[in-house]
Amino acid sequence: MWNSAADAENSGRLRRASGNRCAGTLGTVRLTEFQELLHTEFGVARGDQLLADHVLPAVGGRTGAQAIEEGIDPREIWRALCADFDVPRNRW
């Protein structure tokens, strides 16, 4: 279940765009896969909060949630989050 209204809202954003597939250099990443990576790396509450609040210069100064809504490749968003939070490259 959701930890906050923001968690539920972010999940709704992911579900609304889940029909889209975006090709990245490491293959196709669905939004459900992106969410799984996000929650595995950062935890559900923190991951959802980062998606909603953290501004990513690599995707034009948008938050991850804004970038998803605007059709940015989830792989690009994932890499930007990983770079900003020093996630080891083998998990990008």
PDB file of N, CA and C in Angstrom:
ATOM      1  N   MET A   1       0.833  -1.181   0.000  1.00  0.00           N
ATOM      2  CA  MET A   1       0.000   0.000   0.000  1.00  0.00           C
ATOM      3  C   MET A   1       0.879   1.246   0.000  1.00  0.00           C
ATOM      4  N   TRP A   2       0.243   2.389  -0.152  1.00  0.00           N
ATOM      5  CA  TRP A   2       0.992   3.640  -0.286  1.00  0.00           C
ATOM      6  C   TRP A   2       1.298   4.242   1.071  1.00  0.00           C
ATOM      7  N   ASN A   3       2.470   4.854   1.175  1.00  0.00           N
ATOM      8  CA  ASN A   3       2.879   5.516   2.401  1.00  0.00           C
ATOM      9  C   ASN A   3       2.332   6.921   2.502  1.00  0.00           C
ATOM     10  N   SER A   4       1.936   7.507   1.402  1.00  0.00           N
ATOM     11  CA  SER A   4       1.416   8.866   1.413  1.00  0.00           C
ATOM     12  C   SER A   4       0.611   9.116   0.153  1.00  0.00           C
ATOM     13  N   ALA A   5      -0.084  10.240   0.156  1.00  0.00           N
ATOM     14  CA  ALA A   5      -0.828  10.625  -1.047  1.00  0.00           C
ATOM     15  C   ALA A   5       0.128  10.851  -2.207  1.00  0.00           C
ATOM     16  N   ALA A   6       1.329  11.367  -1.920  1.00  0.00           N
ATOM     17  CA  ALA A   6       2.316  11.602  -2.983  1.00  0.00           C
ATOM     18  C   ALA A   6       2.747  10.283  -3.616  1.00  0.00           C
ATOM     19  N   ASP A   7       2.900   9.218  -2.808  1.00  0.00           N
ATOM     20  CA  ASP A   7       3.267   7.912  -3.349  1.00  0.00           C
ATOM     21  C   ASP A   7       2.196   7.424  -4.317  1.00  0.00           C
ATOM     22  N   ALA A   8       0.946   7.542  -3.908  1.00  0.00           N
ATOM     23  CA  ALA A   8      -0.150   7.095  -4.762  1.00  0.00           C
ATOM     24  C   ALA A   8      -0.219   7.920  -6.035  1.00  0.00           C
ATOM     25  N   GLU A   9      -0.008   9.222  -5.910  1.00  0.00           N
ATOM     26  CA  GLU A   9      -0.037  10.094  -7.088  1.00  0.00           C
ATOM     27  C   GLU A   9       1.079   9.740  -8.053  1.00  0.00           C
ATOM     28  N   ASN A  10       2.287   9.501  -7.541  1.00  0.00           N
ATOM     29  CA  ASN A  10       3.411   9.137  -8.408  1.00  0.00           C
ATOM     30  C   ASN A  10       3.152   7.813  -9.095  1.00  0.00           C
ATOM     31  N   SER A  11       2.592   6.862  -8.384  1.00  0.00           N
ATOM     32  CA  SER A  11       2.292   5.586  -8.990  1.00  0.00           C
ATOM     33  C   SER A  11       1.251   5.758 -10.091  1.00  0.00           C
ATOM     34  N   GLY A  12       0.296   6.627  -9.867  1.00  0.00           N
ATOM     35  CA  GLY A  12      -0.705   6.906 -10.886  1.00  0.00           C
ATOM     36  C   GLY A  12      -0.077   7.487 -12.131  1.00  0.00           C
ATOM     37  N   ARG A  13       0.910   8.352 -11.970  1.00  0.00           N
ATOM     38  CA  ARG A  13       1.617   8.915 -13.119  1.00  0.00           C
ATOM     39  C   ARG A  13       2.306   7.807 -13.903  1.00  0.00           C
ATOM     40  N   LEU A  14       2.918   6.884 -13.190  1.00  0.00           N
ATOM     41  CA  LEU A  14       3.590   5.779 -13.861  1.00  0.00           C
ATOM     42  C   LEU A  14       2.584   4.899 -14.595  1.00  0.00           C
ATOM     43  N   ARG A  15       1.461   4.612 -13.955  1.00  0.00           N
ATOM     44  CA  ARG A  15       0.457   3.756 -14.596  1.00  0.00           C
ATOM     45  C   ARG A  15      -0.136   4.416 -15.828  1.00  0.00           C
ATOM     46  N   ARG A  16      -0.394   5.740 -15.782  1.00  0.00           N
ATOM     47  CA  ARG A  16      -0.983   6.422 -16.936  1.00  0.00           C
ATOM     48  C   ARG A  16      -0.102   6.304 -18.156  1.00  0.00           C
ATOM     49  N   ALA A  17       1.199   6.312 -17.963  1.00  0.00           N
ATOM     50  CA  ALA A  17       2.115   6.250 -19.098  1.00  0.00           C
ATOM     51  C   ALA A  17       2.619   4.846 -19.374  1.00  0.00           C
ATOM     52  N   SER A  18       2.125   3.847 -18.646  1.00  0.00           N
ATOM     53  CA  SER A  18       2.704   2.505 -18.734  1.00  0.00           C
ATOM     54  C   SER A  18       2.541   1.836 -20.088  1.00  0.00           C
ATOM     55  N   GLY A  19       1.669   2.333 -20.932  1.00  0.00           N
ATOM     56  CA  GLY A  19       1.531   1.753 -22.251  1.00  0.00           C
ATOM     57  C   GLY A  19       2.658   2.145 -23.183  1.00  0.00           C
ATOM     58  N   ASN A  20       3.438   3.143 -22.824  1.00  0.00           N
ATOM     59  CA  ASN A  20       4.535   3.619 -23.667  1.00  0.00           C
ATOM     60  C   ASN A  20       5.771   2.758 -23.473  1.00  0.00           C
ATOM     61  N   ARG A  21       6.464   2.487 -24.560  1.00  0.00           N
ATOM     62  CA  ARG A  21       7.759   1.816 -24.484  1.00  0.00           C
ATOM     63  C   ARG A  21       8.797   2.777 -25.021  1.00  0.00           C
ATOM     64  N   CYS A  22       9.908   2.852 -24.348  1.00  0.00           N
ATOM     65  CA  CYS A  22      10.973   3.745 -24.770  1.00  0.00           C
ATOM     66  C   CYS A  22      12.241   2.926 -24.936  1.00  0.00           C
ATOM     67  N   ALA A  23      12.922   3.113 -26.028  1.00  0.00           N
ATOM     68  CA  ALA A  23      14.142   2.357 -26.290  1.00  0.00           C
ATOM     69  C   ALA A  23      15.338   3.106 -25.750  1.00  0.00           C
ATOM     70  N   GLY A  24      16.147   2.442 -24.960  1.00  0.00           N
ATOM     71  CA  GLY A  24      17.394   2.990 -24.478  1.00  0.00           C
ATOM     72  C   GLY A  24      18.528   2.132 -24.989  1.00  0.00           C
ATOM     73  N   THR A  25      19.748   2.560 -24.749  1.00  0.00           N
ATOM     74  CA  THR A  25      20.872   1.795 -25.261  1.00  0.00           C
ATOM     75  C   THR A  25      20.985   0.433 -24.591  1.00  0.00           C
ATOM     76  N   LEU A  26      20.380   0.269 -23.432  1.00  0.00           N
ATOM     77  CA  LEU A  26      20.417  -1.022 -22.761  1.00  0.00           C
ATOM     78  C   LEU A  26      19.150  -1.820 -23.009  1.00  0.00           C
ATOM     79  N   GLY A  27      18.348  -1.382 -23.945  1.00  0.00           N
ATOM     80  CA  GLY A  27      17.137  -2.109 -24.281  1.00  0.00           C
ATOM     81  C   GLY A  27      15.903  -1.335 -23.886  1.00  0.00           C
ATOM     82  N   THR A  28      14.772  -1.985 -24.047  1.00  0.00           N
ATOM     83  CA  THR A  28      13.491  -1.358 -23.761  1.00  0.00           C
ATOM     84  C   THR A  28      13.200  -1.447 -22.270  1.00  0.00           C
ATOM     85  N   VAL A  29      12.748  -0.333 -21.696  1.00  0.00           N
ATOM     86  CA  VAL A  29      12.394  -0.298 -20.281  1.00  0.00           C
ATOM     87  C   VAL A  29      10.954   0.173 -20.167  1.00  0.00           C
ATOM     88  N   ARG A  30      10.101  -0.664 -19.628  1.00  0.00           N
ATOM     89  CA  ARG A  30       8.732  -0.265 -19.351  1.00  0.00           C
ATOM     90  C   ARG A  30       8.718   0.512 -18.047  1.00  0.00           C
ATOM     91  N   LEU A  31       7.670   1.276 -17.866  1.00  0.00           N
ATOM     92  CA  LEU A  31       7.569   2.039 -16.631  1.00  0.00           C
ATOM     93  C   LEU A  31       7.461   1.142 -15.412  1.00  0.00           C
ATOM     94  N   THR A  32       6.864  -0.027 -15.558  1.00  0.00           N
ATOM     95  CA  THR A  32       6.805  -0.946 -14.424  1.00  0.00           C
ATOM     96  C   THR A  32       8.206  -1.423 -14.043  1.00  0.00           C
ATOM     97  N   GLU A  33       9.046  -1.649 -15.040  1.00  0.00           N
ATOM     98  CA  GLU A  33      10.436  -2.038 -14.766  1.00  0.00           C
ATOM     99  C   GLU A  33      11.202  -0.883 -14.129  1.00  0.00           C
ATOM    100  N   PHE A  34      10.957   0.327 -14.617  1.00  0.00           N
ATOM    101  CA  PHE A  34      11.586   1.516 -14.039  1.00  0.00           C
ATOM    102  C   PHE A  34      11.210   1.629 -12.564  1.00  0.00           C
ATOM    103  N   GLN A  35       9.932   1.476 -12.265  1.00  0.00           N
ATOM    104  CA  GLN A  35       9.472   1.583 -10.879  1.00  0.00           C
ATOM    105  C   GLN A  35      10.115   0.507 -10.011  1.00  0.00           C
ATOM    106  N   GLU A  36      10.260  -0.700 -10.553  1.00  0.00           N
ATOM    107  CA  GLU A  36      10.902  -1.778  -9.801  1.00  0.00           C
ATOM    108  C   GLU A  36      12.366  -1.440  -9.499  1.00  0.00           C
ATOM    109  N   LEU A  37      13.086  -0.926 -10.499  1.00  0.00           N
ATOM    110  CA  LEU A  37      14.472  -0.506 -10.281  1.00  0.00           C
ATOM    111  C   LEU A  37      14.551   0.586  -9.218  1.00  0.00           C
ATOM    112  N   LEU A  38      13.664   1.567  -9.340  1.00  0.00           N
ATOM    113  CA  LEU A  38      13.633   2.695  -8.410  1.00  0.00           C
ATOM    114  C   LEU A  38      13.409   2.218  -6.979  1.00  0.00           C
ATOM    115  N   HIS A  39      12.412   1.357  -6.788  1.00  0.00           N
ATOM    116  CA  HIS A  39      12.073   0.882  -5.446  1.00  0.00           C
ATOM    117  C   HIS A  39      13.123  -0.070  -4.885  1.00  0.00           C
ATOM    118  N   THR A  40      13.753  -0.848  -5.741  1.00  0.00           N
ATOM    119  CA  THR A  40      14.804  -1.749  -5.275  1.00  0.00           C
ATOM    120  C   THR A  40      16.022  -0.963  -4.817  1.00  0.00           C
ATOM    121  N   GLU A  41      16.393   0.040  -5.578  1.00  0.00           N
ATOM    122  CA  GLU A  41      17.595   0.824  -5.256  1.00  0.00           C
ATOM    123  C   GLU A  41      17.390   1.765  -4.075  1.00  0.00           C
ATOM    124  N   PHE A  42      16.252   2.459  -4.037  1.00  0.00           N
ATOM    125  CA  PHE A  42      16.061   3.532  -3.062  1.00  0.00           C
ATOM    126  C   PHE A  42      15.014   3.237  -2.002  1.00  0.00           C
ATOM    127  N   GLY A  43      14.272   2.148  -2.147  1.00  0.00           N
ATOM    128  CA  GLY A  43      13.142   1.886  -1.260  1.00  0.00           C
ATOM    129  C   GLY A  43      11.902   2.570  -1.819  1.00  0.00           C
ATOM    130  N   VAL A  44      10.745   2.080  -1.429  1.00  0.00           N
ATOM    131  CA  VAL A  44       9.494   2.589  -1.994  1.00  0.00           C
ATOM    132  C   VAL A  44       9.286   4.058  -1.635  1.00  0.00           C
ATOM    133  N   ALA A  45       9.320   4.380  -0.364  1.00  0.00           N
ATOM    134  CA  ALA A  45       9.021   5.754   0.057  1.00  0.00           C
ATOM    135  C   ALA A  45      10.039   6.751  -0.493  1.00  0.00           C
ATOM    136  N   ARG A  46      11.327   6.440  -0.333  1.00  0.00           N
ATOM    137  CA  ARG A  46      12.353   7.368  -0.811  1.00  0.00           C
ATOM    138  C   ARG A  46      12.356   7.450  -2.337  1.00  0.00           C
ATOM    139  N   GLY A  47      12.219   6.324  -3.000  1.00  0.00           N
ATOM    140  CA  GLY A  47      12.197   6.320  -4.459  1.00  0.00           C
ATOM    141  C   GLY A  47      11.064   7.166  -5.013  1.00  0.00           C
ATOM    142  N   ASP A  48       9.867   6.996  -4.457  1.00  0.00           N
ATOM    143  CA  ASP A  48       8.728   7.780  -4.911  1.00  0.00           C
ATOM    144  C   ASP A  48       8.917   9.261  -4.619  1.00  0.00           C
ATOM    145  N   GLN A  49       9.526   9.558  -3.482  1.00  0.00           N
ATOM    146  CA  GLN A  49       9.785  10.960  -3.136  1.00  0.00           C
ATOM    147  C   GLN A  49      10.815  11.573  -4.078  1.00  0.00           C
ATOM    148  N   LEU A  50      11.871  10.826  -4.407  1.00  0.00           N
ATOM    149  CA  LEU A  50      12.871  11.327  -5.362  1.00  0.00           C
ATOM    150  C   LEU A  50      12.232  11.578  -6.725  1.00  0.00           C
ATOM    151  N   LEU A  51      11.389  10.666  -7.146  1.00  0.00           N
ATOM    152  CA  LEU A  51      10.714  10.805  -8.432  1.00  0.00           C
ATOM    153  C   LEU A  51       9.865  12.077  -8.468  1.00  0.00           C
ATOM    154  N   ALA A  52       9.213  12.384  -7.369  1.00  0.00           N
ATOM    155  CA  ALA A  52       8.321  13.543  -7.307  1.00  0.00           C
ATOM    156  C   ALA A  52       9.053  14.860  -7.101  1.00  0.00           C
ATOM    157  N   ASP A  53      10.149  14.852  -6.338  1.00  0.00           N
ATOM    158  CA  ASP A  53      10.739  16.114  -5.875  1.00  0.00           C
ATOM    159  C   ASP A  53      12.126  16.450  -6.398  1.00  0.00           C
ATOM    160  N   HIS A  54      12.910  15.455  -6.743  1.00  0.00           N
ATOM    161  CA  HIS A  54      14.302  15.731  -7.125  1.00  0.00           C
ATOM    162  C   HIS A  54      14.372  16.234  -8.564  1.00  0.00           C
ATOM    163  N   VAL A  55      14.942  17.413  -8.741  1.00  0.00           N
ATOM    164  CA  VAL A  55      15.090  18.005 -10.070  1.00  0.00           C
ATOM    165  C   VAL A  55      16.342  17.416 -10.722  1.00  0.00           C
ATOM    166  N   LEU A  56      16.169  16.926 -11.941  1.00  0.00           N
ATOM    167  CA  LEU A  56      17.241  16.258 -12.684  1.00  0.00           C
ATOM    168  C   LEU A  56      17.740  17.157 -13.816  1.00  0.00           C
ATOM    169  N   PRO A  57      18.912  17.770 -13.643  1.00  0.00           N
ATOM    170  CA  PRO A  57      19.456  18.611 -14.718  1.00  0.00           C
ATOM    171  C   PRO A  57      19.616  17.856 -16.038  1.00  0.00           C
ATOM    172  N   ALA A  58      19.895  16.560 -15.968  1.00  0.00           N
ATOM    173  CA  ALA A  58      20.132  15.761 -17.178  1.00  0.00           C
ATOM    174  C   ALA A  58      18.881  15.609 -18.044  1.00  0.00           C
ATOM    175  N   VAL A  59      17.707  15.868 -17.481  1.00  0.00           N
ATOM    176  CA  VAL A  59      16.476  15.788 -18.267  1.00  0.00           C
ATOM    177  C   VAL A  59      15.782  17.149 -18.314  1.00  0.00           C
ATOM    178  N   GLY A  60      16.593  18.167 -18.449  1.00  0.00           N
ATOM    179  CA  GLY A  60      16.057  19.505 -18.653  1.00  0.00           C
ATOM    180  C   GLY A  60      15.507  20.189 -17.420  1.00  0.00           C
ATOM    181  N   GLY A  61      16.014  19.832 -16.253  1.00  0.00           N
ATOM    182  CA  GLY A  61      15.567  20.484 -15.029  1.00  0.00           C
ATOM    183  C   GLY A  61      14.164  20.078 -14.599  1.00  0.00           C
ATOM    184  N   ARG A  62      13.739  18.919 -15.014  1.00  0.00           N
ATOM    185  CA  ARG A  62      12.436  18.383 -14.622  1.00  0.00           C
ATOM    186  C   ARG A  62      12.625  17.394 -13.469  1.00  0.00           C
ATOM    187  N   THR A  63      11.559  17.138 -12.748  1.00  0.00           N
ATOM    188  CA  THR A  63      11.590  16.003 -11.822  1.00  0.00           C
ATOM    189  C   THR A  63      11.411  14.747 -12.654  1.00  0.00           C
ATOM    190  N   GLY A  64      11.693  13.601 -12.068  1.00  0.00           N
ATOM    191  CA  GLY A  64      11.487  12.355 -12.789  1.00  0.00           C
ATOM    192  C   GLY A  64      10.039  12.167 -13.195  1.00  0.00           C
ATOM    193  N   ALA A  65       9.114  12.521 -12.298  1.00  0.00           N
ATOM    194  CA  ALA A  65       7.687  12.383 -12.607  1.00  0.00           C
ATOM    195  C   ALA A  65       7.288  13.283 -13.775  1.00  0.00           C
ATOM    196  N   GLN A  66       7.786  14.516 -13.785  1.00  0.00           N
ATOM    197  CA  GLN A  66       7.490  15.425 -14.901  1.00  0.00           C
ATOM    198  C   GLN A  66       8.053  14.873 -16.203  1.00  0.00           C
ATOM    199  N   ALA A  67       9.274  14.359 -16.138  1.00  0.00           N
ATOM    200  CA  ALA A  67       9.921  13.824 -17.334  1.00  0.00           C
ATOM    201  C   ALA A  67       9.136  12.635 -17.893  1.00  0.00           C
ATOM    202  N   ILE A  68       8.631  11.770 -17.018  1.00  0.00           N
ATOM    203  CA  ILE A  68       7.819  10.631 -17.458  1.00  0.00           C
ATOM    204  C   ILE A  68       6.559  11.123 -18.150  1.00  0.00           C
ATOM    205  N   GLU A  69       5.892  12.087 -17.533  1.00  0.00           N
ATOM    206  CA  GLU A  69       4.667  12.618 -18.125  1.00  0.00           C
ATOM    207  C   GLU A  69       4.920  13.249 -19.492  1.00  0.00           C
ATOM    208  N   GLU A  70       6.116  13.778 -19.688  1.00  0.00           N
ATOM    209  CA  GLU A  70       6.450  14.435 -20.949  1.00  0.00           C
ATOM    210  C   GLU A  70       7.061  13.476 -21.970  1.00  0.00           C
ATOM    211  N   GLY A  71       7.117  12.200 -21.639  1.00  0.00           N
ATOM    212  CA  GLY A  71       7.557  11.199 -22.598  1.00  0.00           C
ATOM    213  C   GLY A  71       9.051  10.946 -22.673  1.00  0.00           C
ATOM    214  N   ILE A  72       9.808  11.411 -21.688  1.00  0.00           N
ATOM    215  CA  ILE A  72      11.250  11.145 -21.656  1.00  0.00           C
ATOM    216  C   ILE A  72      11.459   9.650 -21.394  1.00  0.00           C
ATOM    217  N   ASP A  73      12.429   9.074 -22.060  1.00  0.00           N
ATOM    218  CA  ASP A  73      12.778   7.665 -21.917  1.00  0.00           C
ATOM    219  C   ASP A  73      13.057   7.343 -20.441  1.00  0.00           C
ATOM    220  N   PRO A  74      12.338   6.387 -19.852  1.00  0.00           N
ATOM    221  CA  PRO A  74      12.580   6.025 -18.454  1.00  0.00           C
ATOM    222  C   PRO A  74      14.027   5.619 -18.173  1.00  0.00           C
ATOM    223  N   ARG A  75      14.710   5.027 -19.164  1.00  0.00           N
ATOM    224  CA  ARG A  75      16.112   4.653 -18.975  1.00  0.00           C
ATOM    225  C   ARG A  75      16.957   5.912 -18.733  1.00  0.00           C
ATOM    226  N   GLU A  76      16.651   6.982 -19.459  1.00  0.00           N
ATOM    227  CA  GLU A  76      17.373   8.243 -19.281  1.00  0.00           C
ATOM    228  C   GLU A  76      17.127   8.816 -17.877  1.00  0.00           C
ATOM    229  N   ILE A  77      15.915   8.717 -17.420  1.00  0.00           N
ATOM    230  CA  ILE A  77      15.570   9.194 -16.071  1.00  0.00           C
ATOM    231  C   ILE A  77      16.296   8.348 -15.029  1.00  0.00           C
ATOM    232  N   TRP A  78      16.295   7.026 -15.236  1.00  0.00           N
ATOM    233  CA  TRP A  78      16.985   6.123 -14.314  1.00  0.00           C
ATOM    234  C   TRP A  78      18.469   6.474 -14.228  1.00  0.00           C
ATOM    235  N   ARG A  79      19.105   6.658 -15.374  1.00  0.00           N
ATOM    236  CA  ARG A  79      20.533   6.992 -15.384  1.00  0.00           C
ATOM    237  C   ARG A  79      20.800   8.325 -14.695  1.00  0.00           C
ATOM    238  N   ALA A  80      19.926   9.298 -14.906  1.00  0.00           N
ATOM    239  CA  ALA A  80      20.092  10.601 -14.264  1.00  0.00           C
ATOM    240  C   ALA A  80      19.991  10.470 -12.743  1.00  0.00           C
ATOM    241  N   LEU A  81      19.026   9.707 -12.263  1.00  0.00           N
ATOM    242  CA  LEU A  81      18.898   9.481 -10.820  1.00  0.00           C
ATOM    243  C   LEU A  81      20.129   8.770 -10.269  1.00  0.00           C
ATOM    244  N   CYS A  82      20.583   7.747 -10.988  1.00  0.00           N
ATOM    245  CA  CYS A  82      21.762   6.995 -10.546  1.00  0.00           C
ATOM    246  C   CYS A  82      22.986   7.898 -10.462  1.00  0.00           C
ATOM    247  N   ALA A  83      23.169   8.741 -11.455  1.00  0.00           N
ATOM    248  CA  ALA A  83      24.322   9.649 -11.463  1.00  0.00           C
ATOM    249  C   ALA A  83      24.232  10.646 -10.301  1.00  0.00           C
ATOM    250  N   ASP A  84      23.051  11.202 -10.086  1.00  0.00           N
ATOM    251  CA  ASP A  84      22.885  12.196  -9.021  1.00  0.00           C
ATOM    252  C   ASP A  84      23.081  11.612  -7.627  1.00  0.00           C
ATOM    253  N   PHE A  85      22.800  10.328  -7.468  1.00  0.00           N
ATOM    254  CA  PHE A  85      22.880   9.711  -6.140  1.00  0.00           C
ATOM    255  C   PHE A  85      23.990   8.668  -6.027  1.00  0.00           C
ATOM    256  N   ASP A  86      24.969   8.758  -6.905  1.00  0.00           N
ATOM    257  CA  ASP A  86      26.176   7.921  -6.835  1.00  0.00           C
ATOM    258  C   ASP A  86      25.894   6.422  -6.750  1.00  0.00           C
ATOM    259  N   VAL A  87      24.915   5.975  -7.518  1.00  0.00           N
ATOM    260  CA  VAL A  87      24.647   4.539  -7.609  1.00  0.00           C
ATOM    261  C   VAL A  87      25.765   3.928  -8.455  1.00  0.00           C
ATOM    262  N   PRO A  88      26.346   2.830  -8.023  1.00  0.00           N
ATOM    263  CA  PRO A  88      27.414   2.204  -8.809  1.00  0.00           C
ATOM    264  C   PRO A  88      26.963   1.906 -10.244  1.00  0.00           C
ATOM    265  N   ARG A  89      27.832   2.169 -11.196  1.00  0.00           N
ATOM    266  CA  ARG A  89      27.500   2.044 -12.618  1.00  0.00           C
ATOM    267  C   ARG A  89      27.001   0.652 -13.018  1.00  0.00           C
ATOM    268  N   ASN A  90      27.411  -0.369 -12.300  1.00  0.00           N
ATOM    269  CA  ASN A  90      26.939  -1.714 -12.664  1.00  0.00           C
ATOM    270  C   ASN A  90      25.443  -1.912 -12.387  1.00  0.00           C
ATOM    271  N   ARG A  91      24.805  -0.964 -11.696  1.00  0.00           N
ATOM    272  CA  ARG A  91      23.360  -1.050 -11.432  1.00  0.00           C
ATOM    273  C   ARG A  91      22.572  -0.073 -12.283  1.00  0.00           C
ATOM    274  N   TRP A  92      23.233   0.638 -13.211  1.00  0.00           N
ATOM    275  CA  TRP A  92      22.515   1.566 -14.092  1.00  0.00           C
ATOM    276  C   TRP A  92      21.881   0.772 -15.167  1.00  0.00           C
TER     277      TRP A  92
END
